Amino acid sequence: MESSGLLEAFLALRAALHRYLSLQGASPDEAEDILQEAGVKLAEKSLSSIENPRAYLYRMVHNLFVLHRRTASRRTRRDEAWAGVHSGDPPEMDETPSAEAGLIAREQLAILQSAISALPERTRTIFRRFRLEGVPQRQIAAELGISLSAVEKHLAKAYEAIAVRGRKIDGAAWSARHLMSKEGRHGQ
C-alpha cells in the first residue's frame, strides 16, 4: 500500500484508533494529540508497500502513545525536581545516622559514662545535676551547702576527667573547654 493509501486507511480507522487509545488509558485530548501527530507523520512519509496497513497503524499509534506517556512522565519529574530545588523548602533528608555514626556515638557515650562513673560521688552528683538535669550552679551550691566556687571546681574536675579519658582512648581532641556550657554558667 502506498503512502496516500496508508493515509486513507488511517482516516477510515481514525475513530477505531481513538477508541483503542481510550482503552489504553489516554484522555480524549491526549488521544486527539496522538492521532494528529500520527496523521502528520503519515502525510510526511513516503512509504513503500505495507502488507497489513491496519496492524501498521495500530502499532504506530501504540508507539506514539507510549512515547507520549514517557515524555509526559519525564516532564513531570523534571518539573517536580525543579520546583523542589527552587521552592525554598529544604529537600527531605533521612536524618537517621549512618551505622558508622551510630557506632561512634555509642563508643563516645561509653567513654563519657565510664569517665563519669570514675568520678568521686560528690563531683559526679554535681556534674549530673548541672549538665544532665540543668540545675543552675547557684542552686546546686545552696542544696549541698557549699560555695559557688566549690561547685565550679567540682565541674572543672569532671570536665578534665572526661577529656583525659577521651584522649587516652582514641587520641581525640577532647577538651574540658568544649564540655563547658557557654551560656548561664552560674544559672542566673
N, C-alpha and C. Protein backbone atom coordinates (compact mmCIF):
# COMPACT_ATOMS: atom_id res chain seq x y z
N MET A 1 0.86 -1.18 0.00
CA MET A 1 0.00 0.00 0.00
C MET A 1 0.89 1.23 0.00
N GLU A 2 0.58 2.18 -0.83
CA GLU A 2 1.34 3.42 -0.96
C GLU A 2 1.03 4.34 0.22
N SER A 3 1.84 5.40 0.34
CA SER A 3 1.70 6.35 1.44
C SER A 3 0.32 6.99 1.44
N SER A 4 -0.19 7.40 0.29
CA SER A 4 -1.51 8.02 0.25
C SER A 4 -2.59 7.01 0.62
N GLY A 5 -2.39 5.74 0.26
CA GLY A 5 -3.33 4.70 0.64
C GLY A 5 -3.31 4.45 2.13
N LEU A 6 -2.12 4.58 2.74
CA LEU A 6 -1.99 4.40 4.18
C LEU A 6 -2.69 5.55 4.91
N LEU A 7 -2.56 6.76 4.36
CA LEU A 7 -3.25 7.91 4.95
C LEU A 7 -4.76 7.74 4.84
N GLU A 8 -5.23 7.20 3.72
CA GLU A 8 -6.66 6.93 3.57
C GLU A 8 -7.14 5.88 4.57
N ALA A 9 -6.33 4.84 4.77
CA ALA A 9 -6.66 3.80 5.75
C ALA A 9 -6.70 4.40 7.16
N PHE A 10 -5.76 5.30 7.43
CA PHE A 10 -5.72 5.97 8.73
C PHE A 10 -7.01 6.77 8.96
N LEU A 11 -7.41 7.52 7.95
CA LEU A 11 -8.62 8.33 8.09
C LEU A 11 -9.86 7.45 8.27
N ALA A 12 -9.87 6.29 7.62
CA ALA A 12 -11.01 5.38 7.75
C ALA A 12 -11.03 4.74 9.15
N LEU A 13 -9.84 4.50 9.74
CA LEU A 13 -9.74 3.85 11.06
C LEU A 13 -9.63 4.84 12.22
N ARG A 14 -9.69 6.12 11.94
CA ARG A 14 -9.43 7.13 12.97
C ARG A 14 -10.32 6.95 14.21
N ALA A 15 -11.58 6.72 14.04
CA ALA A 15 -12.50 6.55 15.18
C ALA A 15 -12.12 5.30 15.98
N ALA A 16 -11.78 4.21 15.28
CA ALA A 16 -11.39 2.97 15.97
C ALA A 16 -10.07 3.17 16.71
N LEU A 17 -9.13 3.91 16.10
CA LEU A 17 -7.85 4.19 16.76
C LEU A 17 -8.06 5.07 17.99
N HIS A 18 -9.00 5.99 17.91
CA HIS A 18 -9.33 6.83 19.07
C HIS A 18 -9.87 5.98 20.21
N ARG A 19 -10.77 5.04 19.88
CA ARG A 19 -11.30 4.13 20.91
C ARG A 19 -10.17 3.28 21.51
N TYR A 20 -9.28 2.81 20.66
CA TYR A 20 -8.14 2.00 21.12
C TYR A 20 -7.30 2.80 22.13
N LEU A 21 -7.00 4.04 21.80
CA LEU A 21 -6.21 4.88 22.72
C LEU A 21 -6.96 5.11 24.02
N SER A 22 -8.26 5.31 23.94
CA SER A 22 -9.06 5.49 25.15
C SER A 22 -9.00 4.26 26.03
N LEU A 23 -9.06 3.07 25.41
CA LEU A 23 -8.95 1.82 26.18
C LEU A 23 -7.56 1.65 26.79
N GLN A 24 -6.56 2.24 26.17
CA GLN A 24 -5.20 2.18 26.71
C GLN A 24 -4.99 3.15 27.87
N GLY A 25 -5.95 4.06 28.05
CA GLY A 25 -5.87 4.99 29.18
C GLY A 25 -5.62 6.43 28.78
N ALA A 26 -5.64 6.72 27.51
CA ALA A 26 -5.42 8.09 27.06
C ALA A 26 -6.68 8.92 27.30
N SER A 27 -6.47 10.15 27.70
CA SER A 27 -7.61 11.07 27.82
C SER A 27 -8.07 11.45 26.41
N PRO A 28 -9.28 11.97 26.27
CA PRO A 28 -9.74 12.36 24.92
C PRO A 28 -8.80 13.35 24.22
N ASP A 29 -8.31 14.34 24.97
CA ASP A 29 -7.39 15.31 24.38
C ASP A 29 -6.06 14.67 24.01
N GLU A 30 -5.59 13.79 24.88
CA GLU A 30 -4.33 13.09 24.62
C GLU A 30 -4.48 12.21 23.37
N ALA A 31 -5.59 11.52 23.24
CA ALA A 31 -5.83 10.67 22.07
C ALA A 31 -5.85 11.51 20.80
N GLU A 32 -6.50 12.67 20.85
CA GLU A 32 -6.53 13.56 19.68
C GLU A 32 -5.14 14.03 19.30
N ASP A 33 -4.34 14.39 20.29
CA ASP A 33 -2.97 14.84 20.02
C ASP A 33 -2.16 13.73 19.34
N ILE A 34 -2.30 12.52 19.85
CA ILE A 34 -1.56 11.39 19.29
C ILE A 34 -2.01 11.11 17.86
N LEU A 35 -3.32 11.12 17.63
CA LEU A 35 -3.83 10.87 16.29
C LEU A 35 -3.42 11.97 15.31
N GLN A 36 -3.40 13.20 15.77
CA GLN A 36 -2.96 14.29 14.90
C GLN A 36 -1.49 14.11 14.55
N GLU A 37 -0.66 13.74 15.52
CA GLU A 37 0.75 13.50 15.26
C GLU A 37 0.93 12.35 14.28
N ALA A 38 0.14 11.30 14.44
CA ALA A 38 0.21 10.16 13.52
C ALA A 38 -0.17 10.60 12.11
N GLY A 39 -1.20 11.39 11.98
CA GLY A 39 -1.63 11.87 10.67
C GLY A 39 -0.55 12.70 10.00
N VAL A 40 0.10 13.57 10.76
CA VAL A 40 1.18 14.41 10.21
C VAL A 40 2.33 13.53 9.75
N LYS A 41 2.71 12.55 10.57
CA LYS A 41 3.81 11.65 10.20
C LYS A 41 3.47 10.88 8.92
N LEU A 42 2.25 10.41 8.82
CA LEU A 42 1.85 9.66 7.63
C LEU A 42 1.83 10.55 6.39
N ALA A 43 1.44 11.80 6.55
CA ALA A 43 1.40 12.73 5.40
C ALA A 43 2.80 13.08 4.94
N GLU A 44 3.75 13.11 5.87
CA GLU A 44 5.13 13.48 5.53
C GLU A 44 5.93 12.32 4.95
N LYS A 45 5.60 11.10 5.36
CA LYS A 45 6.38 9.92 4.94
C LYS A 45 5.98 9.46 3.56
N SER A 46 6.97 8.96 2.86
CA SER A 46 6.65 8.25 1.61
C SER A 46 7.07 6.82 1.84
N LEU A 47 6.11 5.98 2.09
CA LEU A 47 6.37 4.59 2.43
C LEU A 47 6.14 3.71 1.21
N SER A 48 6.94 2.68 1.13
CA SER A 48 6.68 1.69 0.08
C SER A 48 5.55 0.79 0.55
N SER A 49 5.39 -0.28 -0.04
CA SER A 49 4.23 -1.13 0.26
C SER A 49 4.26 -1.67 1.68
N ILE A 50 3.09 -1.64 2.30
CA ILE A 50 2.91 -2.19 3.65
C ILE A 50 1.86 -3.27 3.52
N GLU A 51 2.23 -4.46 3.99
CA GLU A 51 1.35 -5.61 3.83
C GLU A 51 0.04 -5.48 4.58
N ASN A 52 0.12 -5.10 5.85
CA ASN A 52 -1.07 -5.03 6.68
C ASN A 52 -1.20 -3.60 7.24
N PRO A 53 -1.86 -2.71 6.53
CA PRO A 53 -1.93 -1.31 6.96
C PRO A 53 -2.63 -1.14 8.31
N ARG A 54 -3.64 -1.94 8.57
CA ARG A 54 -4.37 -1.85 9.84
C ARG A 54 -3.42 -2.13 11.02
N ALA A 55 -2.68 -3.23 10.94
CA ALA A 55 -1.73 -3.58 12.00
C ALA A 55 -0.65 -2.52 12.12
N TYR A 56 -0.17 -2.01 10.98
CA TYR A 56 0.85 -0.97 10.98
C TYR A 56 0.34 0.27 11.70
N LEU A 57 -0.87 0.70 11.42
CA LEU A 57 -1.43 1.90 12.03
C LEU A 57 -1.66 1.73 13.54
N TYR A 58 -2.16 0.57 13.93
CA TYR A 58 -2.35 0.32 15.37
C TYR A 58 -1.00 0.33 16.09
N ARG A 59 0.01 -0.28 15.49
CA ARG A 59 1.35 -0.31 16.10
C ARG A 59 1.91 1.11 16.16
N MET A 60 1.74 1.89 15.12
CA MET A 60 2.23 3.26 15.08
C MET A 60 1.57 4.10 16.18
N VAL A 61 0.25 4.00 16.28
CA VAL A 61 -0.49 4.76 17.29
C VAL A 61 -0.08 4.31 18.70
N HIS A 62 0.09 3.01 18.88
CA HIS A 62 0.52 2.49 20.19
C HIS A 62 1.90 3.05 20.55
N ASN A 63 2.84 3.01 19.61
CA ASN A 63 4.18 3.53 19.87
C ASN A 63 4.16 5.03 20.19
N LEU A 64 3.35 5.78 19.47
CA LEU A 64 3.22 7.21 19.76
C LEU A 64 2.62 7.44 21.15
N PHE A 65 1.67 6.60 21.54
CA PHE A 65 1.07 6.70 22.87
C PHE A 65 2.13 6.46 23.96
N VAL A 66 2.91 5.41 23.79
CA VAL A 66 3.97 5.09 24.77
C VAL A 66 4.97 6.24 24.84
N LEU A 67 5.38 6.74 23.68
CA LEU A 67 6.32 7.86 23.64
C LEU A 67 5.72 9.10 24.31
N HIS A 68 4.45 9.34 24.06
CA HIS A 68 3.77 10.49 24.67
C HIS A 68 3.76 10.37 26.19
N ARG A 69 3.46 9.19 26.69
CA ARG A 69 3.42 8.97 28.14
C ARG A 69 4.81 9.11 28.76
N ARG A 70 5.84 8.55 28.11
CA ARG A 70 7.21 8.68 28.63
C ARG A 70 7.62 10.14 28.70
N THR A 71 7.31 10.86 27.65
CA THR A 71 7.67 12.28 27.60
C THR A 71 6.94 13.05 28.72
N ALA A 72 5.68 12.76 28.91
CA ALA A 72 4.91 13.42 29.96
C ALA A 72 5.47 13.08 31.34
N SER A 73 5.87 11.82 31.52
CA SER A 73 6.43 11.39 32.80
C SER A 73 7.75 12.10 33.07
N ARG A 74 8.60 12.17 32.07
CA ARG A 74 9.88 12.87 32.23
C ARG A 74 9.65 14.35 32.52
N ARG A 75 8.71 14.95 31.83
CA ARG A 75 8.41 16.36 32.05
C ARG A 75 7.93 16.59 33.48
N THR A 76 7.07 15.71 33.97
CA THR A 76 6.57 15.84 35.33
C THR A 76 7.69 15.71 36.35
N ARG A 77 8.55 14.70 36.17
CA ARG A 77 9.68 14.51 37.10
C ARG A 77 10.62 15.71 37.06
N ARG A 78 10.89 16.22 35.86
CA ARG A 78 11.77 17.38 35.72
C ARG A 78 11.16 18.59 36.40
N ASP A 79 9.86 18.82 36.19
CA ASP A 79 9.20 19.96 36.81
C ASP A 79 9.17 19.85 38.32
N GLU A 80 8.92 18.65 38.83
CA GLU A 80 8.91 18.44 40.28
C GLU A 80 10.29 18.66 40.87
N ALA A 81 11.31 18.17 40.19
CA ALA A 81 12.68 18.36 40.67
C ALA A 81 13.03 19.85 40.67
N TRP A 82 12.66 20.55 39.60
CA TRP A 82 12.95 21.98 39.52
C TRP A 82 12.21 22.72 40.63
N ALA A 83 10.95 22.39 40.82
CA ALA A 83 10.16 23.06 41.85
C ALA A 83 10.73 22.77 43.24
N GLY A 84 11.18 21.53 43.45
CA GLY A 84 11.76 21.19 44.75
C GLY A 84 13.02 21.97 45.04
N VAL A 85 13.84 22.18 44.02
CA VAL A 85 15.09 22.91 44.20
C VAL A 85 14.82 24.40 44.37
N HIS A 86 13.84 24.93 43.65
CA HIS A 86 13.61 26.37 43.64
C HIS A 86 12.47 26.83 44.53
N SER A 87 11.87 25.94 45.29
CA SER A 87 10.72 26.34 46.11
C SER A 87 11.13 26.97 47.42
N GLY A 88 12.38 26.81 47.81
CA GLY A 88 12.82 27.36 49.08
C GLY A 88 12.66 26.38 50.22
N ASP A 89 11.90 25.31 50.00
CA ASP A 89 11.77 24.29 51.03
C ASP A 89 13.00 23.40 50.97
N PRO A 90 13.57 23.08 52.12
CA PRO A 90 14.73 22.19 52.07
C PRO A 90 14.30 20.79 51.62
N PRO A 91 15.15 20.11 50.88
CA PRO A 91 14.79 18.76 50.44
C PRO A 91 14.66 17.83 51.63
N GLU A 92 13.80 16.85 51.48
CA GLU A 92 13.64 15.88 52.57
C GLU A 92 14.89 15.03 52.65
N MET A 93 15.37 14.86 53.86
CA MET A 93 16.57 14.08 54.06
C MET A 93 16.32 13.05 55.15
N ASP A 94 16.97 11.95 55.00
CA ASP A 94 16.88 10.93 56.02
C ASP A 94 17.80 11.34 57.15
N GLU A 95 17.23 11.60 58.31
CA GLU A 95 18.03 12.09 59.42
C GLU A 95 18.52 10.96 60.32
N THR A 96 18.31 9.73 59.89
CA THR A 96 18.82 8.60 60.63
C THR A 96 20.33 8.55 60.47
N PRO A 97 21.06 8.50 61.57
CA PRO A 97 22.52 8.46 61.42
C PRO A 97 22.98 7.17 60.76
N SER A 98 24.11 7.25 60.10
CA SER A 98 24.67 6.07 59.45
C SER A 98 25.09 5.07 60.54
N ALA A 99 25.33 3.85 60.13
CA ALA A 99 25.76 2.83 61.07
C ALA A 99 27.07 3.24 61.73
N GLU A 100 27.96 3.83 60.93
CA GLU A 100 29.25 4.26 61.46
C GLU A 100 29.07 5.37 62.49
N ALA A 101 28.21 6.35 62.18
CA ALA A 101 27.97 7.45 63.11
C ALA A 101 27.34 6.93 64.40
N GLY A 102 26.42 5.96 64.27
CA GLY A 102 25.81 5.36 65.46
C GLY A 102 26.82 4.65 66.34
N LEU A 103 27.73 3.92 65.70
CA LEU A 103 28.77 3.20 66.44
C LEU A 103 29.70 4.18 67.16
N ILE A 104 30.09 5.23 66.46
CA ILE A 104 30.96 6.24 67.08
C ILE A 104 30.25 6.90 68.25
N ALA A 105 28.98 7.23 68.08
CA ALA A 105 28.22 7.86 69.17
C ALA A 105 28.12 6.93 70.38
N ARG A 106 27.88 5.63 70.13
CA ARG A 106 27.81 4.68 71.25
C ARG A 106 29.16 4.56 71.96
N GLU A 107 30.24 4.57 71.18
CA GLU A 107 31.57 4.49 71.79
C GLU A 107 31.85 5.74 72.63
N GLN A 108 31.51 6.91 72.11
CA GLN A 108 31.73 8.14 72.86
C GLN A 108 30.86 8.18 74.12
N LEU A 109 29.65 7.67 74.02
CA LEU A 109 28.79 7.61 75.20
C LEU A 109 29.38 6.68 76.25
N ALA A 110 29.92 5.55 75.81
CA ALA A 110 30.54 4.62 76.76
C ALA A 110 31.74 5.28 77.44
N ILE A 111 32.52 6.03 76.68
CA ILE A 111 33.67 6.75 77.25
C ILE A 111 33.19 7.75 78.29
N LEU A 112 32.17 8.50 77.94
CA LEU A 112 31.62 9.50 78.85
C LEU A 112 31.07 8.85 80.12
N GLN A 113 30.31 7.77 79.96
CA GLN A 113 29.75 7.09 81.13
C GLN A 113 30.85 6.51 82.01
N SER A 114 31.87 5.98 81.40
CA SER A 114 32.99 5.41 82.16
C SER A 114 33.72 6.51 82.94
N ALA A 115 33.94 7.65 82.29
CA ALA A 115 34.63 8.75 82.96
C ALA A 115 33.78 9.29 84.12
N ILE A 116 32.47 9.40 83.90
CA ILE A 116 31.59 9.91 84.96
C ILE A 116 31.53 8.93 86.13
N SER A 117 31.47 7.64 85.83
CA SER A 117 31.41 6.63 86.89
C SER A 117 32.66 6.62 87.75
N ALA A 118 33.79 7.00 87.18
CA ALA A 118 35.06 7.00 87.92
C ALA A 118 35.21 8.24 88.80
N LEU A 119 34.34 9.21 88.69
CA LEU A 119 34.44 10.44 89.50
C LEU A 119 34.04 10.17 90.95
N PRO A 120 34.57 10.97 91.86
CA PRO A 120 34.10 10.88 93.25
C PRO A 120 32.60 11.19 93.29
N GLU A 121 31.91 10.65 94.30
CA GLU A 121 30.46 10.76 94.39
C GLU A 121 29.96 12.20 94.32
N ARG A 122 30.54 13.10 95.09
CA ARG A 122 30.06 14.48 95.11
C ARG A 122 30.27 15.15 93.74
N THR A 123 31.43 14.93 93.13
CA THR A 123 31.72 15.52 91.81
C THR A 123 30.74 14.97 90.78
N ARG A 124 30.49 13.65 90.85
CA ARG A 124 29.54 13.01 89.93
C ARG A 124 28.14 13.59 90.11
N THR A 125 27.71 13.80 91.34
CA THR A 125 26.39 14.36 91.63
C THR A 125 26.28 15.78 91.08
N ILE A 126 27.29 16.60 91.33
CA ILE A 126 27.28 17.98 90.84
C ILE A 126 27.25 18.00 89.32
N PHE A 127 28.07 17.18 88.69
CA PHE A 127 28.10 17.12 87.23
C PHE A 127 26.74 16.73 86.66
N ARG A 128 26.16 15.68 87.21
CA ARG A 128 24.85 15.21 86.71
C ARG A 128 23.76 16.26 86.91
N ARG A 129 23.76 16.88 88.07
CA ARG A 129 22.73 17.89 88.35
C ARG A 129 22.85 19.06 87.38
N PHE A 130 24.09 19.50 87.13
CA PHE A 130 24.29 20.67 86.29
C PHE A 130 24.14 20.32 84.80
N ARG A 131 24.86 19.31 84.30
CA ARG A 131 24.89 19.04 82.87
C ARG A 131 23.68 18.24 82.38
N LEU A 132 23.20 17.29 83.18
CA LEU A 132 22.11 16.44 82.71
C LEU A 132 20.73 16.96 83.13
N GLU A 133 20.64 17.47 84.34
CA GLU A 133 19.34 17.94 84.83
C GLU A 133 19.13 19.42 84.61
N GLY A 134 20.20 20.15 84.29
CA GLY A 134 20.08 21.58 84.00
C GLY A 134 19.86 22.46 85.22
N VAL A 135 20.24 21.98 86.39
CA VAL A 135 20.08 22.77 87.62
C VAL A 135 21.19 23.82 87.64
N PRO A 136 20.86 25.09 87.91
CA PRO A 136 21.88 26.15 87.96
C PRO A 136 22.91 25.88 89.07
N GLN A 137 24.14 26.35 88.81
CA GLN A 137 25.22 26.13 89.77
C GLN A 137 24.92 26.75 91.13
N ARG A 138 24.31 27.90 91.14
CA ARG A 138 23.96 28.56 92.41
C ARG A 138 23.02 27.67 93.23
N GLN A 139 22.04 27.07 92.59
CA GLN A 139 21.08 26.21 93.29
C GLN A 139 21.78 24.96 93.82
N ILE A 140 22.68 24.38 93.04
CA ILE A 140 23.43 23.19 93.49
C ILE A 140 24.25 23.55 94.72
N ALA A 141 24.92 24.70 94.68
CA ALA A 141 25.73 25.14 95.82
C ALA A 141 24.85 25.29 97.07
N ALA A 142 23.68 25.88 96.91
CA ALA A 142 22.78 26.08 98.04
C ALA A 142 22.28 24.74 98.58
N GLU A 143 21.93 23.80 97.69
CA GLU A 143 21.42 22.50 98.13
C GLU A 143 22.49 21.70 98.88
N LEU A 144 23.74 21.78 98.43
CA LEU A 144 24.81 20.99 99.05
C LEU A 144 25.51 21.74 100.18
N GLY A 145 25.18 23.01 100.35
CA GLY A 145 25.78 23.80 101.42
C GLY A 145 27.25 24.08 101.15
N ILE A 146 27.61 24.28 99.89
CA ILE A 146 28.99 24.61 99.54
C ILE A 146 28.99 25.90 98.74
N SER A 147 30.17 26.45 98.54
CA SER A 147 30.25 27.71 97.80
C SER A 147 30.11 27.47 96.30
N LEU A 148 29.79 28.56 95.60
CA LEU A 148 29.69 28.51 94.14
C LEU A 148 31.04 28.13 93.55
N SER A 149 32.10 28.63 94.13
CA SER A 149 33.45 28.31 93.67
C SER A 149 33.73 26.81 93.80
N ALA A 150 33.26 26.19 94.86
CA ALA A 150 33.46 24.74 95.06
C ALA A 150 32.71 23.96 93.96
N VAL A 151 31.51 24.39 93.62
CA VAL A 151 30.74 23.74 92.55
C VAL A 151 31.52 23.84 91.25
N GLU A 152 32.07 25.04 90.96
CA GLU A 152 32.84 25.23 89.74
C GLU A 152 34.07 24.33 89.72
N LYS A 153 34.72 24.15 90.84
CA LYS A 153 35.91 23.29 90.91
C LYS A 153 35.54 21.83 90.68
N HIS A 154 34.43 21.38 91.24
CA HIS A 154 33.97 20.00 91.00
C HIS A 154 33.67 19.79 89.51
N LEU A 155 33.01 20.77 88.89
CA LEU A 155 32.71 20.67 87.46
C LEU A 155 33.99 20.65 86.64
N ALA A 156 34.95 21.48 86.99
CA ALA A 156 36.22 21.51 86.26
C ALA A 156 36.91 20.14 86.36
N LYS A 157 36.86 19.51 87.55
CA LYS A 157 37.45 18.17 87.72
C LYS A 157 36.74 17.16 86.82
N ALA A 158 35.42 17.26 86.76
CA ALA A 158 34.64 16.33 85.93
C ALA A 158 34.99 16.52 84.46
N TYR A 159 35.05 17.77 84.02
CA TYR A 159 35.38 18.04 82.61
C TYR A 159 36.77 17.52 82.27
N GLU A 160 37.71 17.75 83.15
CA GLU A 160 39.07 17.31 82.90
C GLU A 160 39.15 15.79 82.86
N ALA A 161 38.46 15.11 83.76
CA ALA A 161 38.47 13.64 83.77
C ALA A 161 37.89 13.08 82.47
N ILE A 162 36.84 13.69 81.99
CA ILE A 162 36.23 13.24 80.73
C ILE A 162 37.19 13.48 79.57
N ALA A 163 37.84 14.65 79.54
CA ALA A 163 38.78 14.97 78.46
C ALA A 163 39.98 14.02 78.49
N VAL A 164 40.50 13.74 79.68
CA VAL A 164 41.65 12.83 79.79
C VAL A 164 41.26 11.44 79.31
N ARG A 165 40.11 10.96 79.71
CA ARG A 165 39.65 9.62 79.30
C ARG A 165 39.51 9.56 77.78
N GLY A 166 38.94 10.60 77.20
CA GLY A 166 38.77 10.64 75.75
C GLY A 166 40.10 10.64 75.02
N ARG A 167 41.08 11.40 75.52
CA ARG A 167 42.40 11.44 74.86
C ARG A 167 43.12 10.10 74.98
N LYS A 168 42.97 9.43 76.11
CA LYS A 168 43.64 8.14 76.30
C LYS A 168 43.09 7.08 75.36
N ILE A 169 41.81 7.07 75.14
CA ILE A 169 41.19 6.01 74.36
C ILE A 169 41.44 6.15 72.87
N ASP A 170 41.20 7.31 72.31
CA ASP A 170 41.37 7.40 70.87
C ASP A 170 42.14 8.62 70.40
N GLY A 171 42.80 9.29 71.28
CA GLY A 171 43.60 10.44 70.87
C GLY A 171 42.77 11.59 70.35
N ALA A 172 41.50 11.56 70.61
CA ALA A 172 40.63 12.64 70.13
C ALA A 172 40.98 13.93 70.82
N ALA A 173 40.67 15.00 70.19
CA ALA A 173 40.96 16.32 70.74
C ALA A 173 39.86 16.73 71.69
N TRP A 174 39.64 15.93 72.71
CA TRP A 174 38.63 16.26 73.72
C TRP A 174 39.22 17.38 74.56
N SER A 175 38.41 18.32 74.89
CA SER A 175 38.89 19.44 75.68
C SER A 175 37.85 19.78 76.73
N ALA A 176 38.34 20.06 77.94
CA ALA A 176 37.43 20.45 79.01
C ALA A 176 36.71 21.73 78.63
N ARG A 177 37.37 22.59 77.87
CA ARG A 177 36.76 23.85 77.45
C ARG A 177 35.53 23.59 76.58
N HIS A 178 35.57 22.56 75.70
CA HIS A 178 34.44 22.26 74.83
C HIS A 178 33.28 21.64 75.60
N LEU A 179 33.56 21.09 76.75
CA LEU A 179 32.50 20.47 77.53
C LEU A 179 31.70 21.49 78.34
N MET A 180 32.29 22.65 78.56
CA MET A 180 31.63 23.66 79.38
C MET A 180 30.53 24.35 78.58
N SER A 181 29.47 24.68 79.28
CA SER A 181 28.36 25.41 78.65
C SER A 181 28.77 26.84 78.45
N LYS A 182 28.42 27.41 77.31
CA LYS A 182 28.81 28.80 77.02
C LYS A 182 27.83 29.80 77.64
N GLU A 183 26.64 29.39 77.96
CA GLU A 183 25.67 30.34 78.46
C GLU A 183 25.20 29.96 79.86
N GLY A 184 25.06 30.93 80.69
CA GLY A 184 24.48 30.75 82.02
C GLY A 184 25.23 29.80 82.91
N ARG A 185 26.55 29.94 83.02
CA ARG A 185 27.34 29.04 83.84
C ARG A 185 26.83 29.00 85.27
N HIS A 186 26.46 30.15 85.77
CA HIS A 186 26.05 30.21 87.17
C HIS A 186 24.55 30.12 87.35
N GLY A 187 23.83 29.98 86.25
CA GLY A 187 22.37 29.80 86.33
C GLY A 187 21.66 30.98 86.93
N GLN A 188 21.70 32.07 86.22
CA GLN A 188 21.14 33.31 86.73
C GLN A 188 19.69 33.27 87.01
